[in-house]
Protein backbone atom coordinates (compact mmCIF):
# COMPACT_ATOMS: atom_id res chain seq x y z
CA MET A 1 111.75 115.54 123.79
CA ALA A 2 110.00 113.31 121.01
CA GLY A 3 107.09 111.37 121.87
CA ALA A 4 107.03 107.33 121.43
CA PRO A 5 106.54 106.16 117.97
CA GLY A 6 103.49 104.53 116.70
CA ALA A 7 103.01 101.31 115.33
CA GLY A 8 104.68 100.51 112.16
CA ASP A 9 107.96 102.76 113.00
CA GLY A 10 110.35 100.25 114.54
CA LEU A 11 113.99 99.44 113.26
CA ASP A 12 114.48 97.33 110.41
CA PRO A 13 117.05 95.07 111.45
CA ALA A 14 118.86 94.75 108.34
CA LEU A 15 119.14 98.38 107.69
CA ALA A 16 120.12 99.14 111.54
CA GLN A 17 123.11 96.40 111.10
CA ARG A 18 124.12 98.19 107.72
CA VAL A 19 124.75 101.63 109.62
CA VAL A 20 126.11 99.90 112.81
CA ASP A 21 128.68 98.36 110.23
CA ALA A 22 129.15 101.63 108.61
CA VAL A 23 129.95 103.68 112.04
CA ALA A 24 131.50 100.93 113.95
CA PRO A 25 134.90 100.98 112.25
CA THR A 26 135.41 104.76 113.32
CA LEU A 27 134.15 104.23 116.58
CA ARG A 28 136.44 101.42 118.01
CA ARG A 29 134.06 100.89 120.81
CA ASP A 30 130.99 98.09 120.95
CA LEU A 31 127.79 99.70 119.65
CA ASN A 32 124.31 98.54 119.88
CA LEU A 33 121.23 99.50 118.21
CA MET A 34 117.74 98.73 120.22
CA ASP A 35 114.07 99.13 119.25
CA ILE A 36 111.69 100.59 121.29
CA ASP A 37 110.78 97.27 122.98
CA GLY A 38 114.53 97.42 124.26
CA THR A 39 115.78 94.57 122.38
CA VAL A 40 119.14 94.70 120.39
CA VAL A 41 118.50 94.63 116.68
CA ALA A 42 121.70 95.27 115.36
CA SER A 43 125.39 95.28 117.22
CA THR A 44 128.99 94.88 116.55
CA ARG A 45 128.63 91.65 118.90
CA ALA A 46 126.49 89.22 117.24
CA ASP A 47 125.74 87.45 120.15
CA ARG A 48 123.70 90.64 121.67
CA VAL A 49 121.24 90.67 118.72
CA GLY A 50 118.02 89.50 119.99
CA GLN A 51 118.84 90.03 123.57
CA PRO A 52 116.96 92.24 125.88
CA HIS A 53 118.44 95.55 127.10
CA ARG A 54 117.09 97.22 130.36
CA ALA A 55 118.74 100.49 129.80
CA ALA A 56 117.11 100.96 126.52
CA ARG A 57 113.74 100.25 127.84
CA GLU A 58 114.07 102.86 130.18
CA VAL A 59 115.51 105.40 127.94
CA VAL A 60 112.19 104.74 125.53
CA ALA A 61 109.88 105.12 128.71
CA THR A 62 111.41 108.58 130.06
CA GLY A 63 113.04 109.89 126.93
CA ARG A 64 116.50 110.51 128.59
CA PRO A 65 119.72 109.08 128.36
CA VAL A 66 120.54 106.46 130.77
CA LEU A 67 124.34 105.61 131.76
CA VAL A 68 125.17 102.17 133.11
CA THR A 69 127.98 102.38 135.70
CA ASP A 70 128.11 98.99 137.13
CA VAL A 71 127.39 95.65 135.68
CA ALA A 72 124.20 93.71 137.75
CA GLU A 73 124.43 90.27 137.89
CA GLY A 74 122.38 88.33 135.74
CA VAL A 75 121.68 91.44 133.26
CA GLU A 76 123.38 91.56 130.04
CA ASP A 77 124.02 95.83 129.78
CA ARG A 78 127.63 96.70 130.08
CA PRO A 79 128.75 99.96 131.29
CA GLY A 80 127.87 102.73 128.80
CA ALA A 81 125.76 105.29 127.57
CA ASN A 82 122.50 104.69 126.04
CA VAL A 83 120.89 107.48 124.25
CA PRO A 84 117.45 107.82 122.30
CA LEU A 85 117.59 107.68 118.36
CA GLU A 86 115.12 109.95 116.69
CA LEU A 87 113.80 109.83 113.35
CA ASP A 88 110.85 112.14 112.05
CA ASP A 89 111.18 114.04 115.75
CA ARG A 90 110.32 110.48 117.40
CA ILE A 91 111.85 108.39 119.48
CA ALA A 92 112.56 105.14 117.29
CA GLY A 93 114.90 103.28 119.34
CA VAL A 94 118.26 103.52 121.42
CA VAL A 95 121.62 103.73 120.71
CA GLY A 96 124.07 102.15 123.33
CA VAL A 97 128.11 102.68 123.18
CA THR A 98 129.73 100.71 125.76
CA GLY A 99 132.99 102.06 127.85
CA ASP A 100 133.13 104.92 130.88
CA PRO A 101 129.81 106.48 130.89
CA ALA A 102 131.31 109.76 131.26
CA GLU A 103 133.51 109.10 128.69
CA VAL A 104 131.08 108.12 126.18
CA GLU A 105 128.31 109.66 126.89
CA PRO A 106 129.15 112.71 124.51
CA VAL A 107 130.41 110.28 121.57
CA ALA A 108 126.86 108.61 122.23
CA ARG A 109 125.05 111.74 121.55
CA VAL A 110 127.11 112.43 118.43
CA VAL A 111 126.64 108.53 117.18
CA ALA A 112 123.06 108.66 117.72
CA LEU A 113 122.96 112.01 115.58
CA THR A 114 124.89 110.04 112.94
CA VAL A 115 122.86 107.02 112.94
CA GLY A 116 119.68 108.94 112.68
CA LEU A 117 120.96 110.56 109.60
CA LEU A 118 122.23 107.70 107.96
CA LEU A 119 119.05 105.80 108.69
CA ALA A 120 117.11 108.49 107.39
CA ARG A 121 119.31 108.47 104.30
CA GLU A 122 119.22 104.50 103.82
CA ARG A 123 115.35 104.52 104.61
CA GLU A 124 114.65 107.14 101.81
CA HIS A 125 116.78 105.15 99.07
CA ASP A 126 115.31 101.58 100.35
CA SER A 127 111.95 103.95 99.38
CA GLY A 128 112.91 104.83 96.21
CA THR A 129 114.15 101.77 95.21
CA GLU A 130 111.25 99.86 96.05
CA THR A 131 109.38 102.39 94.19
CA ARG A 132 111.06 101.67 91.03
CA THR A 133 110.63 98.07 91.54
CA ARG A 134 106.97 98.53 91.78
CA VAL A 135 106.72 100.46 88.92
CA ARG A 136 108.68 98.46 86.80
CA ALA A 137 106.65 95.18 87.57
CA LEU A 138 103.32 97.19 86.72
CA VAL A 139 105.20 98.21 83.26
CA ALA A 140 106.16 94.55 82.68
CA VAL A 141 102.70 93.47 83.46
CA LEU A 142 100.71 96.08 81.53
CA ALA A 143 102.92 95.71 78.53
CA SER A 144 102.30 91.93 78.71
CA PRO A 145 100.09 90.66 76.20
CA THR A 146 99.22 87.64 78.30
CA ALA A 147 98.28 89.73 81.41
CA THR A 148 95.07 89.29 83.12
CA PRO A 149 93.16 92.34 84.34
CA LEU A 150 93.46 90.51 87.79
CA ALA A 151 96.99 91.00 87.45
CA VAL A 152 96.91 94.36 86.37
CA GLN A 153 94.51 95.56 89.09
CA GLU A 154 96.85 94.17 91.50
CA ARG A 155 100.38 96.00 90.28
CA LEU A 156 97.96 99.29 90.43
CA GLU A 157 96.76 98.90 93.60
CA ALA A 158 100.69 98.10 94.88
CA LEU A 159 101.01 101.29 93.70
CA GLY A 160 97.70 103.17 95.18
CA LEU A 161 96.68 103.57 91.70
CA GLY A 162 93.89 101.28 91.78
CA ARG A 163 91.35 103.78 90.41
CA GLY A 164 90.99 105.37 87.06
CA PRO A 165 90.87 107.15 85.25
CA TRP A 166 94.63 106.10 83.93
CA SER A 167 97.08 108.28 82.09
CA VAL A 168 100.12 106.37 80.71
CA GLY A 169 102.88 107.89 78.57
CA VAL A 170 106.54 107.18 77.48
CA TRP A 171 109.30 109.41 76.30
CA CYS A 172 112.66 108.93 74.60
CA ASP A 173 115.31 110.73 73.18
CA VAL A 174 114.97 112.36 69.61
CA GLU A 175 117.98 110.57 68.48
CA VAL A 176 117.53 106.81 68.44
CA ALA A 177 120.04 103.83 68.73
CA ARG A 178 121.65 102.58 65.35
CA ASP A 179 119.08 99.82 65.67
CA GLY A 180 116.27 102.05 65.62
CA THR A 181 115.39 101.39 69.06
CA ALA A 182 114.51 104.17 71.67
CA VAL A 183 117.02 105.84 73.79
CA PRO A 184 115.79 107.57 77.25
CA PRO A 185 116.06 111.30 77.44
CA PRO A 186 119.21 112.44 78.66
CA ARG A 187 117.81 113.64 81.88
CA ALA A 188 115.45 110.41 82.24
CA GLU A 189 116.67 109.18 86.01
CA GLN A 190 116.28 113.02 87.20
CA ALA A 191 112.97 112.78 86.17
CA VAL A 192 112.19 109.30 87.95
CA THR A 193 113.50 110.40 90.86
CA ALA A 194 111.83 113.80 90.95
CA ALA A 195 108.47 111.79 90.44
CA ASN A 196 108.70 109.08 92.53
CA ASP A 197 110.19 111.45 95.42
CA ARG A 198 106.84 113.66 95.06
CA ARG A 199 105.11 110.42 95.31
CA ASP A 200 106.53 109.18 98.51
CA ALA A 201 106.36 112.57 99.73
CA ASP A 202 102.42 112.44 98.97
CA GLY A 203 101.99 109.03 100.15
CA ALA A 204 100.07 106.17 98.38
CA GLU A 205 96.54 107.92 99.20
CA GLY A 206 97.82 111.03 96.93
CA ALA A 207 97.89 108.60 94.04
CA SER A 208 100.70 110.87 92.20
CA PRO A 209 102.14 109.65 89.29
CA CYS A 210 105.23 107.47 89.36
CA ALA A 211 107.91 106.88 86.74
CA VAL A 212 110.73 104.28 85.68
CA VAL A 213 112.98 103.75 82.74
CA VAL A 214 112.41 100.25 81.15
CA ASP A 215 113.83 98.97 77.86
CA GLY A 216 114.84 102.51 76.49
CA LEU A 217 111.76 104.59 77.47
CA LEU A 218 110.98 106.54 80.18
CA TRP A 219 107.31 105.64 81.30
CA GLY A 220 105.04 107.37 83.50
CA VAL A 221 101.64 106.39 84.97
CA ALA A 222 98.99 108.12 86.81
CA GLY A 223 95.62 107.18 88.32
CA HIS A 224 92.71 108.75 90.04
CA GLY A 225 92.01 111.41 87.20
CA ARG A 226 95.61 112.55 87.82
CA ARG A 227 97.29 113.85 84.68
CA LEU A 228 101.12 113.40 83.51
CA ASP A 229 103.09 116.17 82.97
CA ARG A 230 103.86 116.14 79.30
CA GLU A 231 107.21 117.69 79.92
CA LEU A 232 108.05 114.91 82.31
CA GLY A 233 110.90 113.95 80.15
CA GLY A 234 112.03 117.08 78.90
CA THR A 235 111.15 119.50 76.02
CA ALA A 236 113.57 117.80 73.43
CA THR A 237 111.97 114.21 73.26
CA ARG A 238 109.52 111.87 71.30
CA ARG A 239 106.33 111.02 73.55
CA VAL A 240 103.27 109.56 73.41
CA VAL A 241 100.96 110.24 76.53
CA VAL A 242 97.42 108.63 76.63
CA GLU A 243 95.24 110.13 79.09
CA ASP A 244 91.32 109.36 80.49
CA LEU A 245 91.25 105.65 80.37
CA VAL A 246 88.77 104.07 82.35
CA ASP A 247 88.97 100.24 81.14
CA LEU A 248 92.15 98.16 82.08
CA GLU A 249 91.93 96.28 79.07
CA ASP A 250 92.39 99.70 77.18
CA LEU A 251 95.16 100.59 79.71
CA ALA A 252 97.09 97.08 79.21
CA GLY A 253 96.35 97.10 75.50
CA TRP A 254 98.14 100.91 75.13
CA ALA A 255 101.28 99.78 76.95
CA HIS A 256 101.62 97.07 74.86
CA ASP A 257 101.57 99.30 71.95
CA LEU A 258 103.80 101.79 73.60
CA GLN A 259 106.43 99.16 74.23
CA ALA A 260 106.17 98.26 70.53
CA LEU A 261 106.67 101.76 69.48
CA GLY A 262 109.73 101.93 71.53
CA ARG A 263 111.32 99.31 69.46
CA ARG A 264 110.68 101.37 66.53
CA GLY A 265 111.74 104.75 68.32
CA ARG A 266 111.22 106.95 65.49
CA LEU A 267 107.60 106.20 65.33
CA LEU A 268 107.10 108.11 68.59
CA PRO A 269 106.47 111.84 67.29
CA THR A 270 108.35 114.77 68.68
CA ALA A 271 106.43 117.89 69.68
CA ALA A 272 106.30 119.25 66.61
CA GLU A 273 105.27 116.27 64.75
CA GLU A 274 102.21 115.40 67.24
CA PRO A 275 99.56 117.27 65.28
CA GLY A 276 99.95 115.26 62.14
CA TRP A 277 100.63 111.94 63.96
CA ARG A 278 98.35 108.90 63.64
CA ALA A 279 98.42 106.31 66.55
CA GLU A 280 96.61 103.70 64.64
CA VAL A 281 98.83 103.51 61.87
CA ALA A 282 102.19 103.80 64.02
CA VAL A 283 101.12 101.30 66.09
CA GLY A 284 100.29 99.13 63.15
CA VAL A 285 103.35 99.67 61.80
CA ALA A 286 105.12 99.15 65.23
CA HIS A 287 103.59 95.50 65.30
CA LEU A 288 104.74 94.37 61.76
CA PRO A 289 107.30 91.81 61.57
CA ASP A 290 110.76 93.10 59.99
CA ARG A 291 110.42 91.62 56.59
CA SER A 292 106.94 93.29 56.40
CA ARG A 293 108.38 96.92 57.36
CA ARG A 294 110.94 96.81 55.03
CA ARG A 295 108.60 95.72 52.15
CA LEU A 296 106.26 98.53 52.96
CA ALA A 297 109.18 100.99 53.48
CA ARG A 298 110.18 100.61 49.76
CA THR A 299 107.14 102.07 48.92
CA ALA A 300 107.86 105.45 50.53
CA ALA A 301 111.40 105.12 49.49
CA ARG A 302 110.43 105.77 45.83
CA LEU A 303 109.57 109.22 46.89
CA SER A 304 113.29 110.15 48.13
CA PRO A 305 114.13 113.05 48.69
CA VAL A 306 110.76 114.12 49.28
CA HIS A 307 110.41 114.37 53.28
CA ARG A 308 107.51 112.96 54.71
CA ASN A 309 106.13 116.32 56.02
CA THR A 310 105.73 117.52 52.55
CA LEU A 311 104.00 114.56 50.94
CA LEU A 312 100.58 115.79 50.72
CA GLN A 313 102.01 119.06 48.80
CA ARG A 314 103.20 116.62 46.24
CA VAL A 315 100.16 114.67 45.63
CA ASP A 316 100.44 114.38 41.91
CA ARG A 317 104.35 113.78 41.87
CA ILE A 318 103.08 110.99 44.58
CA ARG A 319 100.81 109.38 41.97
CA ALA A 320 103.57 109.04 39.65
CA LEU A 321 106.17 107.58 41.65
CA THR A 322 104.05 105.36 43.58
CA GLY A 323 100.93 104.71 41.59
CA LEU A 324 98.85 105.62 44.84
CA ASP A 325 95.73 107.79 44.71
CA LEU A 326 95.52 110.02 47.57
CA GLY A 327 91.89 110.50 46.90
CA ARG A 328 91.61 107.16 47.77
CA PRO A 329 91.27 106.30 51.96
CA ASP A 330 92.53 102.87 51.60
CA GLU A 331 95.76 103.66 48.92
CA ALA A 332 96.27 106.85 51.05
CA ALA A 333 96.30 104.52 54.38
CA VAL A 334 98.72 102.61 52.52
CA LEU A 335 101.19 105.39 51.59
CA LEU A 336 101.04 106.58 55.20
CA GLY A 337 102.02 103.30 56.49
CA ALA A 338 104.94 103.14 54.07
CA VAL A 339 106.18 106.54 55.48
CA HIS A 340 106.01 105.03 58.83
CA ALA A 341 107.80 101.79 57.96
CA LEU A 342 110.34 103.65 56.02
CA ALA A 343 110.94 105.93 59.36
CA SER A 344 111.04 103.35 61.68
CA LEU A 345 113.83 101.26 59.76
CA PRO A 346 117.54 101.67 61.20
CA ASP A 347 119.78 104.14 59.38
CA ASP A 348 121.87 101.36 57.91
CA LEU A 349 119.08 99.75 56.14
């Protein structure tokens, strides 16, 4: 028989009541869930919640089912069967089903197995939801231009990522929305679930990377020197992954810039575009007001139909069309920014 649970293994009353409410309609009998202290934490009878249950205490103490055949004066326990509720191979509480003990004991055993499975499933769901909520809060703080280093540190520590170096990355689909904003990769939700499930299995001390989808981007964050899987969002994606960040200001700065790039999805490079991609130029264009980007884009538009991947092979033609000399670093930077600005505009502009 499984041993008694350790500290912190108690039943969550709200979760326990949800499970009771799910099971009770098919049972057609009163059902109680008791914690390891022998207190009713969930029941089909609201007046029983919070009351002591003597038989449950005996079940926890002995690890064996206890049948109640008679109602003792001054004791709330009613006739029925009470069996151990096991979670993670440990006694986490007691399931009690009222009725003729001989008749309901087999039922109580089946109910205990069912309740255990439901509790485990609900607990995993709640854990996954909590992780996503924390990661979402972390991304919001990281990307905020007004966030303080202390606020960033607190959010990182809440996820067990309080120590660097850190890595942060974003992924989106190759195709962007009509307004030019990023769209999550097709399997973004599966990637989030897989990453966070591995993290929950490792525990916070493992500092495993975590993920969430926010504003059209799949975000990944890792600490303790861990690296993000560059294929987290899939192979056919746009992506930027920044690694080995040792300063919180740099981490927050990059997150703010990545969020800006997501608003102009085409500024994020595909795998094929990564070798020639310049973060400083793309980020600078991403932060420009719309009017400034459109004005800058008109310079690159004069090159149509020259594709941006062939620009450097057409230096003379470029000089003739734009008046810009690529031999001058300042004018080359203007053209590079113009190409990025043109790429960032929606298709219908």
